[in-house]
């Protein structure tokens, strides 16, 4: 299945990925953190053997789903196989690189809508493979909560706990938050300096 055009524009080339791995300690650190929190690589698994858990707006939480079960995502019905296809086709390192280089919340939300979902795999005690699927429409309101500096969600959960670490998403959201706070602080300092100079002229 081809990668959607809406997602292609975010995905780095192999050369871009290699250059960042070679030249950017920031990316290497982000990648290591993201991989540590993302579970087994989907491309190395038999995804069809997994049992899936996810929630959608119509059915709530559903367990024991298979890849051929249909779910509600983005306002329409799709199979889990279709929904998760990009995770089988795109190197996880390239998805993480795409997230790392996003500039702002608007781009992050566009990326999530294009990606449609994230999935994290794990083995249970009996060796059964499970996949936990989070839809973009579930993640985006949490991202917007942090964007608006509302760190406690409507259900009382902390946004810092609710946003998945998978693919480095939590780290990216709070990096954007810190960056925004720093810009606000710099702007406020600059305005204070300008006001000080203005009042200083009046006092001469």
Protein backbone atom coordinates (compact mmCIF):
# COMPACT_ATOMS: atom_id res chain seq x y z
CA UNK A 1 0.00 0.00 0.00
CA UNK A 2 1.56 3.37 -1.02
CA UNK A 3 2.38 5.93 1.65
CA UNK A 4 -0.26 8.72 1.62
CA UNK A 5 0.88 11.93 -0.06
CA UNK A 6 -0.12 13.88 3.05
CA UNK A 7 2.46 11.89 5.01
CA UNK A 8 5.19 11.68 2.37
CA UNK A 9 6.09 15.36 2.71
CA UNK A 10 7.13 14.80 6.34
CA UNK A 11 9.23 11.68 5.81
CA UNK A 12 12.98 12.21 5.36
CA UNK A 13 14.97 10.52 2.65
CA UNK A 14 17.50 7.86 3.58
CA UNK A 15 20.22 10.45 2.93
CA UNK A 16 18.61 13.01 5.27
CA UNK A 17 18.29 10.39 7.99
CA UNK A 18 21.91 9.34 7.59
CA UNK A 19 23.11 12.95 7.68
CA UNK A 20 21.20 13.67 10.90
CA UNK A 21 22.56 10.49 12.49
CA UNK A 22 26.06 11.59 11.53
CA UNK A 23 25.90 15.32 12.30
CA UNK A 24 23.22 15.94 14.94
CA UNK A 25 23.69 14.91 18.55
CA UNK A 26 20.24 16.37 19.23
CA UNK A 27 18.66 13.90 16.82
CA UNK A 28 20.72 10.98 18.12
CA UNK A 29 19.56 11.74 21.67
CA UNK A 30 15.93 12.12 20.58
CA UNK A 31 16.08 8.90 18.58
CA UNK A 32 17.54 6.93 21.49
CA UNK A 33 14.83 8.23 23.84
CA UNK A 34 12.06 7.52 21.32
CA UNK A 35 13.24 3.99 20.51
CA UNK A 36 13.55 3.17 24.21
CA UNK A 37 9.86 3.99 24.68
CA UNK A 38 8.39 2.54 21.48
CA UNK A 39 8.46 -1.23 21.97
CA UNK A 40 9.42 -3.74 19.26
CA UNK A 41 9.76 -2.49 15.69
CA UNK A 42 6.55 -3.35 13.75
CA UNK A 43 8.59 -4.15 10.63
CA UNK A 44 10.25 -7.02 12.45
CA UNK A 45 6.98 -8.56 13.64
CA UNK A 46 4.21 -10.65 12.18
CA UNK A 47 1.59 -7.97 12.75
CA UNK A 48 -1.19 -10.36 11.72
CA UNK A 49 -0.46 -12.52 14.77
CA UNK A 50 -1.15 -9.69 17.21
CA UNK A 51 -4.35 -9.00 19.10
CA UNK A 52 -5.17 -5.31 19.14
CA UNK A 53 -6.71 -2.87 21.59
CA UNK A 54 -8.01 0.55 20.61
CA UNK A 55 -10.78 3.03 21.26
CA UNK A 56 -12.88 4.96 18.76
CA UNK A 57 -15.61 7.55 19.07
CA UNK A 58 -18.43 5.13 18.23
CA UNK A 59 -17.50 1.89 19.96
CA UNK A 60 -15.31 2.99 22.86
CA UNK A 61 -12.53 0.59 23.91
CA UNK A 62 -12.33 -2.63 21.92
CA UNK A 63 -10.05 -5.56 22.76
CA UNK A 64 -8.95 -8.71 20.96
CA UNK A 65 -9.17 -7.13 17.52
CA UNK A 66 -7.42 -8.65 14.50
CA UNK A 67 -5.84 -6.85 11.55
CA UNK A 68 -8.91 -7.58 9.43
CA UNK A 69 -11.39 -6.09 11.91
CA UNK A 70 -12.87 -2.77 10.90
CA UNK A 71 -12.65 0.30 13.12
CA UNK A 72 -13.79 3.91 12.98
CA UNK A 73 -10.94 6.32 12.21
CA UNK A 74 -10.99 9.78 10.68
CA UNK A 75 -14.74 9.72 10.31
CA UNK A 76 -14.89 6.50 8.30
CA UNK A 77 -14.53 2.76 8.65
CA UNK A 78 -11.19 1.15 7.81
CA UNK A 79 -9.55 -2.16 8.58
CA UNK A 80 -6.77 -2.19 11.14
CA UNK A 81 -4.57 -3.58 8.38
CA UNK A 82 -5.08 -0.42 6.33
CA UNK A 83 -4.80 1.87 9.34
CA UNK A 84 -1.46 0.41 10.45
CA UNK A 85 0.06 -0.18 7.01
CA UNK A 86 2.44 2.79 7.22
CA UNK A 87 4.06 1.30 10.33
CA UNK A 88 4.92 -1.82 8.35
CA UNK A 89 6.21 0.16 5.38
CA UNK A 90 8.16 3.11 6.81
CA UNK A 91 11.29 2.72 8.91
CA UNK A 92 10.50 3.73 12.45
CA UNK A 93 13.68 5.82 12.55
CA UNK A 94 12.32 7.90 9.67
CA UNK A 95 8.99 8.47 11.48
CA UNK A 96 10.90 9.56 14.57
CA UNK A 97 13.08 11.88 12.46
CA UNK A 98 9.92 13.42 10.98
CA UNK A 99 8.60 14.13 14.48
CA UNK A 100 11.96 15.47 15.68
CA UNK A 101 12.14 18.14 12.97
CA UNK A 102 8.55 19.43 13.26
CA UNK A 103 8.62 23.16 13.98
CA UNK A 104 5.36 23.83 15.81
CA UNK A 105 2.08 22.43 17.09
CA UNK A 106 0.30 23.02 13.78
CA UNK A 107 2.81 20.84 11.95
CA UNK A 108 2.63 18.19 14.68
CA UNK A 109 -1.15 17.97 14.35
CA UNK A 110 -0.90 17.82 10.54
CA UNK A 111 1.61 15.00 10.88
CA UNK A 112 -0.62 13.04 13.27
CA UNK A 113 -3.62 13.42 10.95
CA UNK A 114 -1.52 12.15 8.06
CA UNK A 115 -0.13 9.25 10.13
CA UNK A 116 -3.68 8.48 11.39
CA UNK A 117 -2.55 6.31 14.31
CA UNK A 118 0.38 5.05 16.34
CA UNK A 119 0.81 1.49 17.56
CA UNK A 120 2.96 -0.03 20.28
CA UNK A 121 3.58 -3.77 20.45
CA UNK A 122 4.35 -5.91 23.47
CA UNK A 123 4.39 -9.60 24.39
CA UNK A 124 2.27 -10.81 27.31
CA UNK A 125 3.38 -13.48 29.80
CA UNK A 126 2.06 -16.23 27.52
CA UNK A 127 4.04 -14.92 24.56
CA UNK A 128 0.99 -13.50 22.75
CA UNK A 129 1.74 -10.37 20.77
CA UNK A 130 -0.48 -7.38 21.52
CA UNK A 131 -0.77 -4.03 19.78
CA UNK A 132 -2.10 -0.91 21.50
CA UNK A 133 -3.44 1.50 18.89
CA UNK A 134 -4.00 5.22 19.49
CA UNK A 135 -5.86 7.24 16.89
CA UNK A 136 -4.78 10.72 15.79
CA UNK A 137 -8.16 12.10 16.82
CA UNK A 138 -7.51 10.80 20.34
CA UNK A 139 -4.01 12.25 20.54
CA UNK A 140 -4.66 15.69 19.07
CA UNK A 141 -6.93 17.00 21.88
CA UNK A 142 -4.20 16.06 24.38
CA UNK A 143 -1.63 17.93 22.29
CA UNK A 144 -3.94 20.94 22.11
CA UNK A 145 -4.35 20.89 25.88
CA UNK A 146 -0.59 21.35 26.31
CA UNK A 147 -0.53 23.90 23.48
CA UNK A 148 -3.04 25.96 25.49
CA UNK A 149 -1.01 25.42 28.71
CA UNK A 150 -3.79 23.34 30.22
CA UNK A 151 -1.72 20.55 31.71
CA UNK A 152 -4.62 18.75 33.40
CA UNK A 153 -7.06 17.07 31.01
CA UNK A 154 -10.84 17.24 31.38
CA UNK A 155 -10.90 13.79 33.01
CA UNK A 156 -8.36 14.87 35.64
CA UNK A 157 -5.37 13.08 34.07
CA UNK A 158 -2.10 14.94 33.65
CA UNK A 159 -1.35 15.59 29.98
CA UNK A 160 2.26 14.68 30.68
CA UNK A 161 1.12 11.16 31.60
CA UNK A 162 -1.62 10.79 28.99
CA UNK A 163 0.41 11.62 25.87
CA UNK A 164 2.18 8.51 24.63
CA UNK A 165 5.96 8.25 24.65
CA UNK A 166 5.75 6.16 21.47
CA UNK A 167 7.88 7.56 18.62
CA UNK A 168 9.01 10.37 20.94
CA UNK A 169 5.62 12.12 20.80
CA UNK A 170 5.51 13.10 24.47
CA UNK A 171 9.06 14.41 24.30
CA UNK A 172 8.24 16.45 21.18
CA UNK A 173 5.07 17.97 22.67
CA UNK A 174 6.89 19.17 25.76
CA UNK A 175 9.89 20.36 23.73
CA UNK A 176 7.46 22.56 21.78
CA UNK A 177 5.92 23.70 25.07
CA UNK A 178 9.32 24.66 26.50
CA UNK A 179 10.24 26.43 23.28
CA UNK A 180 7.00 28.41 23.39
CA UNK A 181 7.55 29.38 27.02
CA UNK A 182 11.09 30.52 26.20
CA UNK A 183 9.82 32.65 23.30
CA UNK A 184 7.21 34.24 25.56
CA UNK A 185 9.87 34.97 28.15
CA UNK A 186 12.21 36.49 25.56
CA UNK A 187 9.38 38.62 24.12
CA UNK A 188 8.41 39.80 27.60
CA UNK A 189 12.04 40.66 28.39
CA UNK A 190 12.37 42.53 25.12
CA UNK A 191 9.20 44.49 25.78
CA UNK A 192 10.38 45.33 29.30
CA UNK A 193 13.68 46.59 27.90
CA UNK A 194 11.85 48.76 25.35
CA UNK A 195 9.55 50.17 28.04
CA UNK A 196 12.55 50.86 30.27
CA UNK A 197 14.24 52.80 27.48
CA UNK A 198 11.04 54.71 26.77
CA UNK A 199 10.51 55.67 30.42
CA UNK A 200 14.17 56.50 30.66
CA UNK A 201 13.82 59.08 27.86
CA UNK A 202 10.82 60.60 29.59
CA UNK A 203 12.82 60.94 32.79
CA UNK A 204 15.65 62.86 31.21
